[in-house]
Amino acid sequence: MSVTPSAMRRVLLGLAALLTASMTHAQTYPAKPVRVINPAAPGANSDILFRLLSPKMAEVLGQQPVIDYRPGAGGTVGAEITAKSAPDDWRMF
């Protein structure tokens, strides 16, 4: 089975159209500072870890991460704030 040059050309043009269409609609993520909700009090282990990692996070993401402390009720307060926050339209897969 042989592929004609015109069929190959059509396939390549279709692939090029798909690739350029996806690149033109891509947006940089994140477009605003990253909000990290910490359900523990300032000075806890998670706070220390965040402070150590935040410079690298800012470098990788291109935005400054901001920590929001919401201690109380064994983490339920922080989980509720997270659940009720606005979606960011980012999908992993």
PDB file of N, CA and C in Angstrom:
ATOM      1  N   MET A   1       0.840  -1.172   0.000  1.00  0.00           N
ATOM      2  CA  MET A   1       0.000   0.000   0.000  1.00  0.00           C
ATOM      3  C   MET A   1       0.888   1.240   0.000  1.00  0.00           C
ATOM      4  N   SER A   2       0.682   2.092  -0.954  1.00  0.00           N
ATOM      5  CA  SER A   2       1.497   3.297  -1.051  1.00  0.00           C
ATOM      6  C   SER A   2       0.644   4.522  -0.746  1.00  0.00           C
ATOM      7  N   VAL A   3       1.306   5.538  -0.236  1.00  0.00           N
ATOM      8  CA  VAL A   3       0.633   6.783   0.103  1.00  0.00           C
ATOM      9  C   VAL A   3       0.984   7.802  -0.967  1.00  0.00           C
ATOM     10  N   THR A   4      -0.039   8.403  -1.521  1.00  0.00           N
ATOM     11  CA  THR A   4       0.200   9.388  -2.570  1.00  0.00           C
ATOM     12  C   THR A   4       0.710  10.685  -1.945  1.00  0.00           C
ATOM     13  N   PRO A   5       1.460  11.446  -2.710  1.00  0.00           N
ATOM     14  CA  PRO A   5       1.974  12.715  -2.177  1.00  0.00           C
ATOM     15  C   PRO A   5       0.860  13.685  -1.768  1.00  0.00           C
ATOM     16  N   SER A   6      -0.242  13.683  -2.485  1.00  0.00           N
ATOM     17  CA  SER A   6      -1.333  14.603  -2.130  1.00  0.00           C
ATOM     18  C   SER A   6      -1.988  14.183  -0.817  1.00  0.00           C
ATOM     19  N   ALA A   7      -2.109  12.886  -0.559  1.00  0.00           N
ATOM     20  CA  ALA A   7      -2.689  12.416   0.704  1.00  0.00           C
ATOM     21  C   ALA A   7      -1.761  12.762   1.866  1.00  0.00           C
ATOM     22  N   MET A   8      -0.469  12.575   1.645  1.00  0.00           N
ATOM     23  CA  MET A   8       0.504  12.914   2.686  1.00  0.00           C
ATOM     24  C   MET A   8       0.487  14.411   2.982  1.00  0.00           C
ATOM     25  N   ARG A   9       0.366  15.219   1.952  1.00  0.00           N
ATOM     26  CA  ARG A   9       0.313  16.665   2.113  1.00  0.00           C
ATOM     27  C   ARG A   9      -0.920  17.070   2.930  1.00  0.00           C
ATOM     28  N   ARG A  10      -2.072  16.443   2.646  1.00  0.00           N
ATOM     29  CA  ARG A  10      -3.294  16.749   3.381  1.00  0.00           C
ATOM     30  C   ARG A  10      -3.159  16.374   4.859  1.00  0.00           C
ATOM     31  N   VAL A  11      -2.533  15.247   5.126  1.00  0.00           N
ATOM     32  CA  VAL A  11      -2.338  14.820   6.514  1.00  0.00           C
ATOM     33  C   VAL A  11      -1.427  15.798   7.242  1.00  0.00           C
ATOM     34  N   LEU A  12      -0.342  16.192   6.623  1.00  0.00           N
ATOM     35  CA  LEU A  12       0.591  17.131   7.248  1.00  0.00           C
ATOM     36  C   LEU A  12      -0.043  18.497   7.470  1.00  0.00           C
ATOM     37  N   LEU A  13      -0.838  18.967   6.504  1.00  0.00           N
ATOM     38  CA  LEU A  13      -1.522  20.248   6.681  1.00  0.00           C
ATOM     39  C   LEU A  13      -2.552  20.169   7.806  1.00  0.00           C
ATOM     40  N   GLY A  14      -3.234  19.057   7.923  1.00  0.00           N
ATOM     41  CA  GLY A  14      -4.194  18.876   9.008  1.00  0.00           C
ATOM     42  C   GLY A  14      -3.515  18.882  10.361  1.00  0.00           C
ATOM     43  N   LEU A  15      -2.386  18.188  10.478  1.00  0.00           N
ATOM     44  CA  LEU A  15      -1.636  18.177  11.734  1.00  0.00           C
ATOM     45  C   LEU A  15      -1.121  19.570  12.088  1.00  0.00           C
ATOM     46  N   ALA A  16      -0.623  20.274  11.087  1.00  0.00           N
ATOM     47  CA  ALA A  16      -0.121  21.629  11.334  1.00  0.00           C
ATOM     48  C   ALA A  16      -1.254  22.548  11.799  1.00  0.00           C
ATOM     49  N   ALA A  17      -2.436  22.403  11.209  1.00  0.00           N
ATOM     50  CA  ALA A  17      -3.583  23.226  11.611  1.00  0.00           C
ATOM     51  C   ALA A  17      -3.985  22.926  13.049  1.00  0.00           C
ATOM     52  N   LEU A  18      -3.975  21.651  13.426  1.00  0.00           N
ATOM     53  CA  LEU A  18      -4.331  21.286  14.801  1.00  0.00           C
ATOM     54  C   LEU A  18      -3.315  21.833  15.802  1.00  0.00           C
ATOM     55  N   LEU A  19      -2.046  21.734  15.475  1.00  0.00           N
ATOM     56  CA  LEU A  19      -1.010  22.207  16.391  1.00  0.00           C
ATOM     57  C   LEU A  19      -1.056  23.720  16.563  1.00  0.00           C
ATOM     58  N   THR A  20      -1.224  24.448  15.488  1.00  0.00           N
ATOM     59  CA  THR A  20      -1.252  25.907  15.602  1.00  0.00           C
ATOM     60  C   THR A  20      -2.523  26.381  16.277  1.00  0.00           C
ATOM     61  N   ALA A  21      -3.633  25.692  16.090  1.00  0.00           N
ATOM     62  CA  ALA A  21      -4.885  26.090  16.741  1.00  0.00           C
ATOM     63  C   ALA A  21      -4.768  25.940  18.248  1.00  0.00           C
ATOM     64  N   SER A  22      -4.142  24.881  18.713  1.00  0.00           N
ATOM     65  CA  SER A  22      -4.017  24.690  20.158  1.00  0.00           C
ATOM     66  C   SER A  22      -3.047  25.696  20.764  1.00  0.00           C
ATOM     67  N   MET A  23      -2.044  26.115  20.035  1.00  0.00           N
ATOM     68  CA  MET A  23      -1.074  27.066  20.569  1.00  0.00           C
ATOM     69  C   MET A  23      -1.638  28.480  20.635  1.00  0.00           C
ATOM     70  N   THR A  24      -2.525  28.841  19.727  1.00  0.00           N
ATOM     71  CA  THR A  24      -3.045  30.201  19.724  1.00  0.00           C
ATOM     72  C   THR A  24      -4.017  30.442  20.864  1.00  0.00           C
ATOM     73  N   HIS A  25      -4.678  29.406  21.366  1.00  0.00           N
ATOM     74  CA  HIS A  25      -5.643  29.572  22.439  1.00  0.00           C
ATOM     75  C   HIS A  25      -5.046  29.306  23.816  1.00  0.00           C
ATOM     76  N   ALA A  26      -3.785  28.959  23.870  1.00  0.00           N
ATOM     77  CA  ALA A  26      -3.163  28.666  25.159  1.00  0.00           C
ATOM     78  C   ALA A  26      -2.952  29.948  25.945  1.00  0.00           C
ATOM     79  N   GLN A  27      -3.235  29.877  27.238  1.00  0.00           N
ATOM     80  CA  GLN A  27      -3.012  31.004  28.127  1.00  0.00           C
ATOM     81  C   GLN A  27      -1.956  30.602  29.143  1.00  0.00           C
ATOM     82  N   THR A  28      -1.247  31.588  29.634  1.00  0.00           N
ATOM     83  CA  THR A  28      -0.273  31.277  30.666  1.00  0.00           C
ATOM     84  C   THR A  28      -1.005  31.027  31.972  1.00  0.00           C
ATOM     85  N   TYR A  29      -0.571  30.035  32.684  1.00  0.00           N
ATOM     86  CA  TYR A  29      -1.166  29.709  33.974  1.00  0.00           C
ATOM     87  C   TYR A  29      -0.093  29.793  35.018  1.00  0.00           C
ATOM     88  N   PRO A  30      -0.304  30.369  36.099  1.00  0.00           N
ATOM     89  CA  PRO A  30      -1.477  31.103  36.556  1.00  0.00           C
ATOM     90  C   PRO A  30      -1.414  32.562  36.140  1.00  0.00           C
ATOM     91  N   ALA A  31      -2.560  33.174  35.995  1.00  0.00           N
ATOM     92  CA  ALA A  31      -2.629  34.572  35.585  1.00  0.00           C
ATOM     93  C   ALA A  31      -2.679  35.515  36.779  1.00  0.00           C
ATOM     94  N   LYS A  32      -2.800  34.971  37.987  1.00  0.00           N
ATOM     95  CA  LYS A  32      -2.847  35.789  39.203  1.00  0.00           C
ATOM     96  C   LYS A  32      -2.072  35.064  40.298  1.00  0.00           C
ATOM     97  N   PRO A  33      -1.791  35.733  41.399  1.00  0.00           N
ATOM     98  CA  PRO A  33      -1.030  35.066  42.474  1.00  0.00           C
ATOM     99  C   PRO A  33      -1.703  33.771  42.934  1.00  0.00           C
ATOM    100  N   VAL A  34      -0.890  32.793  43.271  1.00  0.00           N
ATOM    101  CA  VAL A  34      -1.380  31.492  43.705  1.00  0.00           C
ATOM    102  C   VAL A  34      -1.697  31.562  45.193  1.00  0.00           C
ATOM    103  N   ARG A  35      -2.918  31.194  45.546  1.00  0.00           N
ATOM    104  CA  ARG A  35      -3.361  31.218  46.943  1.00  0.00           C
ATOM    105  C   ARG A  35      -3.243  29.814  47.519  1.00  0.00           C
ATOM    106  N   VAL A  36      -2.451  29.675  48.573  1.00  0.00           N
ATOM    107  CA  VAL A  36      -2.268  28.400  49.255  1.00  0.00           C
ATOM    108  C   VAL A  36      -2.967  28.515  50.604  1.00  0.00           C
ATOM    109  N   ILE A  37      -3.951  27.662  50.828  1.00  0.00           N
ATOM    110  CA  ILE A  37      -4.679  27.674  52.096  1.00  0.00           C
ATOM    111  C   ILE A  37      -4.029  26.670  53.028  1.00  0.00           C
ATOM    112  N   ASN A  38      -3.567  27.175  54.170  1.00  0.00           N
ATOM    113  CA  ASN A  38      -2.902  26.348  55.167  1.00  0.00           C
ATOM    114  C   ASN A  38      -3.839  26.186  56.360  1.00  0.00           C
ATOM    115  N   PRO A  39      -4.327  24.957  56.619  1.00  0.00           N
ATOM    116  CA  PRO A  39      -5.252  24.767  57.736  1.00  0.00           C
ATOM    117  C   PRO A  39      -4.555  24.689  59.093  1.00  0.00           C
ATOM    118  N   ALA A  40      -3.309  25.073  59.169  1.00  0.00           N
ATOM    119  CA  ALA A  40      -2.554  25.058  60.430  1.00  0.00           C
ATOM    120  C   ALA A  40      -2.152  26.488  60.793  1.00  0.00           C
ATOM    121  N   ALA A  41      -1.732  26.651  62.015  1.00  0.00           N
ATOM    122  CA  ALA A  41      -1.326  27.976  62.499  1.00  0.00           C
ATOM    123  C   ALA A  41       0.054  28.355  61.951  1.00  0.00           C
ATOM    124  N   PRO A  42       0.334  29.657  61.858  1.00  0.00           N
ATOM    125  CA  PRO A  42       1.666  30.082  61.432  1.00  0.00           C
ATOM    126  C   PRO A  42       2.735  29.539  62.374  1.00  0.00           C
ATOM    127  N   GLY A  43       3.838  29.096  61.822  1.00  0.00           N
ATOM    128  CA  GLY A  43       4.927  28.545  62.613  1.00  0.00           C
ATOM    129  C   GLY A  43       4.904  27.037  62.695  1.00  0.00           C
ATOM    130  N   ALA A  44       3.862  26.410  62.187  1.00  0.00           N
ATOM    131  CA  ALA A  44       3.781  24.948  62.189  1.00  0.00           C
ATOM    132  C   ALA A  44       4.680  24.386  61.086  1.00  0.00           C
ATOM    133  N   ASN A  45       4.810  23.074  61.049  1.00  0.00           N
ATOM    134  CA  ASN A  45       5.684  22.431  60.058  1.00  0.00           C
ATOM    135  C   ASN A  45       5.294  22.777  58.632  1.00  0.00           C
ATOM    136  N   SER A  46       3.992  22.815  58.342  1.00  0.00           N
ATOM    137  CA  SER A  46       3.559  23.134  56.976  1.00  0.00           C
ATOM    138  C   SER A  46       3.937  24.567  56.600  1.00  0.00           C
ATOM    139  N   ASP A  47       3.922  25.485  57.569  1.00  0.00           N
ATOM    140  CA  ASP A  47       4.308  26.865  57.305  1.00  0.00           C
ATOM    141  C   ASP A  47       5.798  26.957  56.987  1.00  0.00           C
ATOM    142  N   ILE A  48       6.598  26.251  57.741  1.00  0.00           N
ATOM    143  CA  ILE A  48       8.048  26.251  57.504  1.00  0.00           C
ATOM    144  C   ILE A  48       8.355  25.673  56.121  1.00  0.00           C
ATOM    145  N   LEU A  49       7.682  24.583  55.773  1.00  0.00           N
ATOM    146  CA  LEU A  49       7.885  23.967  54.457  1.00  0.00           C
ATOM    147  C   LEU A  49       7.476  24.924  53.342  1.00  0.00           C
ATOM    148  N   PHE A  50       6.342  25.590  53.512  1.00  0.00           N
ATOM    149  CA  PHE A  50       5.891  26.540  52.495  1.00  0.00           C
ATOM    150  C   PHE A  50       6.881  27.683  52.319  1.00  0.00           C
ATOM    151  N   ARG A  51       7.389  28.205  53.419  1.00  0.00           N
ATOM    152  CA  ARG A  51       8.349  29.310  53.329  1.00  0.00           C
ATOM    153  C   ARG A  51       9.647  28.891  52.646  1.00  0.00           C
ATOM    154  N   LEU A  52      10.021  27.629  52.810  1.00  0.00           N
ATOM    155  CA  LEU A  52      11.218  27.128  52.129  1.00  0.00           C
ATOM    156  C   LEU A  52      10.980  26.919  50.638  1.00  0.00           C
ATOM    157  N   LEU A  53       9.778  26.486  50.283  1.00  0.00           N
ATOM    158  CA  LEU A  53       9.476  26.166  48.891  1.00  0.00           C
ATOM    159  C   LEU A  53       8.937  27.342  48.079  1.00  0.00           C
ATOM    160  N   SER A  54       8.448  28.389  48.724  1.00  0.00           N
ATOM    161  CA  SER A  54       7.801  29.476  47.994  1.00  0.00           C
ATOM    162  C   SER A  54       8.715  30.205  46.996  1.00  0.00           C
ATOM    163  N   PRO A  55      10.012  30.415  47.247  1.00  0.00           N
ATOM    164  CA  PRO A  55      10.831  31.052  46.204  1.00  0.00           C
ATOM    165  C   PRO A  55      10.921  30.219  44.927  1.00  0.00           C
ATOM    166  N   LYS A  56      11.055  28.917  45.073  1.00  0.00           N
ATOM    167  CA  LYS A  56      11.126  28.056  43.891  1.00  0.00           C
ATOM    168  C   LYS A  56       9.764  27.988  43.195  1.00  0.00           C
ATOM    169  N   MET A  57       8.677  27.981  43.978  1.00  0.00           N
ATOM    170  CA  MET A  57       7.334  27.993  43.389  1.00  0.00           C
ATOM    171  C   MET A  57       7.131  29.255  42.559  1.00  0.00           C
ATOM    172  N   ALA A  58       7.574  30.391  43.075  1.00  0.00           N
ATOM    173  CA  ALA A  58       7.436  31.650  42.348  1.00  0.00           C
ATOM    174  C   ALA A  58       8.233  31.622  41.055  1.00  0.00           C
ATOM    175  N   GLU A  59       9.403  31.025  41.101  1.00  0.00           N
ATOM    176  CA  GLU A  59      10.246  30.928  39.902  1.00  0.00           C
ATOM    177  C   GLU A  59       9.600  30.029  38.847  1.00  0.00           C
ATOM    178  N   VAL A  60       9.074  28.896  39.270  1.00  0.00           N
ATOM    179  CA  VAL A  60       8.485  27.936  38.331  1.00  0.00           C
ATOM    180  C   VAL A  60       7.152  28.435  37.783  1.00  0.00           C
ATOM    181  N   LEU A  61       6.287  28.963  38.653  1.00  0.00           N
ATOM    182  CA  LEU A  61       4.956  29.382  38.240  1.00  0.00           C
ATOM    183  C   LEU A  61       4.931  30.758  37.584  1.00  0.00           C
ATOM    184  N   GLY A  62       5.905  31.584  37.899  1.00  0.00           N
ATOM    185  CA  GLY A  62       5.901  32.937  37.361  1.00  0.00           C
ATOM    186  C   GLY A  62       4.984  33.870  38.138  1.00  0.00           C
ATOM    187  N   GLN A  63       4.440  33.409  39.227  1.00  0.00           N
ATOM    188  CA  GLN A  63       3.582  34.210  40.103  1.00  0.00           C
ATOM    189  C   GLN A  63       3.990  33.952  41.545  1.00  0.00           C
ATOM    190  N   GLN A  64       3.778  34.937  42.382  1.00  0.00           N
ATOM    191  CA  GLN A  64       4.118  34.801  43.789  1.00  0.00           C
ATOM    192  C   GLN A  64       3.040  34.010  44.521  1.00  0.00           C
ATOM    193  N   PRO A  65       3.400  32.931  45.226  1.00  0.00           N
ATOM    194  CA  PRO A  65       2.398  32.229  46.036  1.00  0.00           C
ATOM    195  C   PRO A  65       2.108  33.010  47.324  1.00  0.00           C
ATOM    196  N   VAL A  66       0.851  33.024  47.721  1.00  0.00           N
ATOM    197  CA  VAL A  66       0.413  33.733  48.920  1.00  0.00           C
ATOM    198  C   VAL A  66      -0.228  32.710  49.844  1.00  0.00           C
ATOM    199  N   ILE A  67       0.191  32.683  51.104  1.00  0.00           N
ATOM    200  CA  ILE A  67      -0.367  31.716  52.042  1.00  0.00           C
ATOM    201  C   ILE A  67      -1.499  32.354  52.839  1.00  0.00           C
ATOM    202  N   ASP A  68      -2.562  31.590  53.017  1.00  0.00           N
ATOM    203  CA  ASP A  68      -3.748  32.016  53.749  1.00  0.00           C
ATOM    204  C   ASP A  68      -3.932  31.048  54.912  1.00  0.00           C
ATOM    205  N   TYR A  69      -3.678  31.520  56.121  1.00  0.00           N
ATOM    206  CA  TYR A  69      -3.784  30.669  57.309  1.00  0.00           C
ATOM    207  C   TYR A  69      -5.234  30.581  57.756  1.00  0.00           C
ATOM    208  N   ARG A  70      -5.760  29.364  57.850  1.00  0.00           N
ATOM    209  CA  ARG A  70      -7.122  29.137  58.321  1.00  0.00           C
ATOM    210  C   ARG A  70      -7.149  27.984  59.317  1.00  0.00           C
ATOM    211  N   PRO A  71      -6.519  28.171  60.482  1.00  0.00           N
ATOM    212  CA  PRO A  71      -6.506  27.083  61.460  1.00  0.00           C
ATOM    213  C   PRO A  71      -7.860  26.953  62.155  1.00  0.00           C
ATOM    214  N   GLY A  72      -8.105  25.782  62.671  1.00  0.00           N
ATOM    215  CA  GLY A  72      -9.307  25.569  63.469  1.00  0.00           C
ATOM    216  C   GLY A  72     -10.072  24.330  63.061  1.00  0.00           C
ATOM    217  N   ALA A  73     -10.713  23.722  64.040  1.00  0.00           N
ATOM    218  CA  ALA A  73     -11.586  22.567  63.846  1.00  0.00           C
ATOM    219  C   ALA A  73     -10.860  21.400  63.181  1.00  0.00           C
ATOM    220  N   GLY A  74      -9.609  21.224  63.511  1.00  0.00           N
ATOM    221  CA  GLY A  74      -8.852  20.096  62.969  1.00  0.00           C
ATOM    222  C   GLY A  74      -8.679  20.136  61.465  1.00  0.00           C
ATOM    223  N   GLY A  75      -8.638  21.315  60.872  1.00  0.00           N
ATOM    224  CA  GLY A  75      -8.453  21.454  59.433  1.00  0.00           C
ATOM    225  C   GLY A  75      -9.752  21.624  58.667  1.00  0.00           C
ATOM    226  N   THR A  76     -10.885  21.523  59.352  1.00  0.00           N
ATOM    227  CA  THR A  76     -12.177  21.641  58.676  1.00  0.00           C
ATOM    228  C   THR A  76     -12.407  23.046  58.137  1.00  0.00           C
ATOM    229  N   VAL A  77     -11.964  24.052  58.859  1.00  0.00           N
ATOM    230  CA  VAL A  77     -12.142  25.438  58.405  1.00  0.00           C
ATOM    231  C   VAL A  77     -11.392  25.663  57.086  1.00  0.00           C
ATOM    232  N   GLY A  78     -10.149  25.226  57.029  1.00  0.00           N
ATOM    233  CA  GLY A  78      -9.365  25.362  55.798  1.00  0.00           C
ATOM    234  C   GLY A  78      -9.953  24.565  54.651  1.00  0.00           C
ATOM    235  N   ALA A  79     -10.451  23.365  54.943  1.00  0.00           N
ATOM    236  CA  ALA A  79     -11.058  22.533  53.901  1.00  0.00           C
ATOM    237  C   ALA A  79     -12.335  23.175  53.366  1.00  0.00           C
ATOM    238  N   GLU A  80     -13.108  23.809  54.248  1.00  0.00           N
ATOM    239  CA  GLU A  80     -14.346  24.467  53.814  1.00  0.00           C
ATOM    240  C   GLU A  80     -14.044  25.673  52.932  1.00  0.00           C
ATOM    241  N   ILE A  81     -13.043  26.459  53.312  1.00  0.00           N
ATOM    242  CA  ILE A  81     -12.635  27.613  52.493  1.00  0.00           C
ATOM    243  C   ILE A  81     -12.176  27.144  51.116  1.00  0.00           C
ATOM    244  N   THR A  82     -11.416  26.064  51.084  1.00  0.00           N
ATOM    245  CA  THR A  82     -10.934  25.519  49.817  1.00  0.00           C
ATOM    246  C   THR A  82     -12.092  25.032  48.957  1.00  0.00           C
ATOM    247  N   ALA A  83     -13.037  24.330  49.560  1.00  0.00           N
ATOM    248  CA  ALA A  83     -14.175  23.794  48.814  1.00  0.00           C
ATOM    249  C   ALA A  83     -15.052  24.897  48.237  1.00  0.00           C
ATOM    250  N   LYS A  84     -15.165  26.014  48.937  1.00  0.00           N
ATOM    251  CA  LYS A  84     -16.040  27.102  48.489  1.00  0.00           C
ATOM    252  C   LYS A  84     -15.321  28.138  47.634  1.00  0.00           C
ATOM    253  N   SER A  85     -14.031  27.965  47.401  1.00  0.00           N
ATOM    254  CA  SER A  85     -13.292  28.946  46.608  1.00  0.00           C
ATOM    255  C   SER A  85     -13.651  28.823  45.131  1.00  0.00           C
ATOM    256  N   ALA A  86     -13.418  29.888  44.406  1.00  0.00           N
ATOM    257  CA  ALA A  86     -13.730  29.914  42.977  1.00  0.00           C
ATOM    258  C   ALA A  86     -12.808  28.964  42.218  1.00  0.00           C
ATOM    259  N   PRO A  87     -13.337  28.266  41.221  1.00  0.00           N
ATOM    260  CA  PRO A  87     -12.477  27.371  40.435  1.00  0.00           C
ATOM    261  C   PRO A  87     -11.482  28.173  39.608  1.00  0.00           C
ATOM    262  N   ASP A  88     -10.340  27.562  39.314  1.00  0.00           N
ATOM    263  CA  ASP A  88      -9.302  28.264  38.574  1.00  0.00           C
ATOM    264  C   ASP A  88      -9.195  27.806  37.124  1.00  0.00           C
ATOM    265  N   ASP A  89     -10.065  26.925  36.683  1.00  0.00           N
ATOM    266  CA  ASP A  89     -10.092  26.430  35.297  1.00  0.00           C
ATOM    267  C   ASP A  89      -8.790  25.782  34.874  1.00  0.00           C
ATOM    268  N   TRP A  90      -8.143  25.110  35.781  1.00  0.00           N
ATOM    269  CA  TRP A  90      -6.919  24.394  35.450  1.00  0.00           C
ATOM    270  C   TRP A  90      -7.188  22.922  35.610  1.00  0.00           C
ATOM    271  N   ARG A  91      -6.852  22.168  34.595  1.00  0.00           N
ATOM    272  CA  ARG A  91      -7.067  20.733  34.623  1.00  0.00           C
ATOM    273  C   ARG A  91      -5.761  20.012  34.416  1.00  0.00           C
ATOM    274  N   MET A  92      -5.486  19.053  35.259  1.00  0.00           N
ATOM    275  CA  MET A  92      -4.253  18.292  35.157  1.00  0.00           C
ATOM    276  C   MET A  92      -4.272  17.401  33.919  1.00  0.00           C
ATOM    277  N   PHE A  93      -5.383  16.730  33.689  1.00  0.00           N
ATOM    278  CA  PHE A  93      -5.480  15.784  32.560  1.00  0.00           C
ATOM    279  C   PHE A  93      -6.705  16.064  31.738  1.00  0.00           C
TER     280      PHE A  93
END
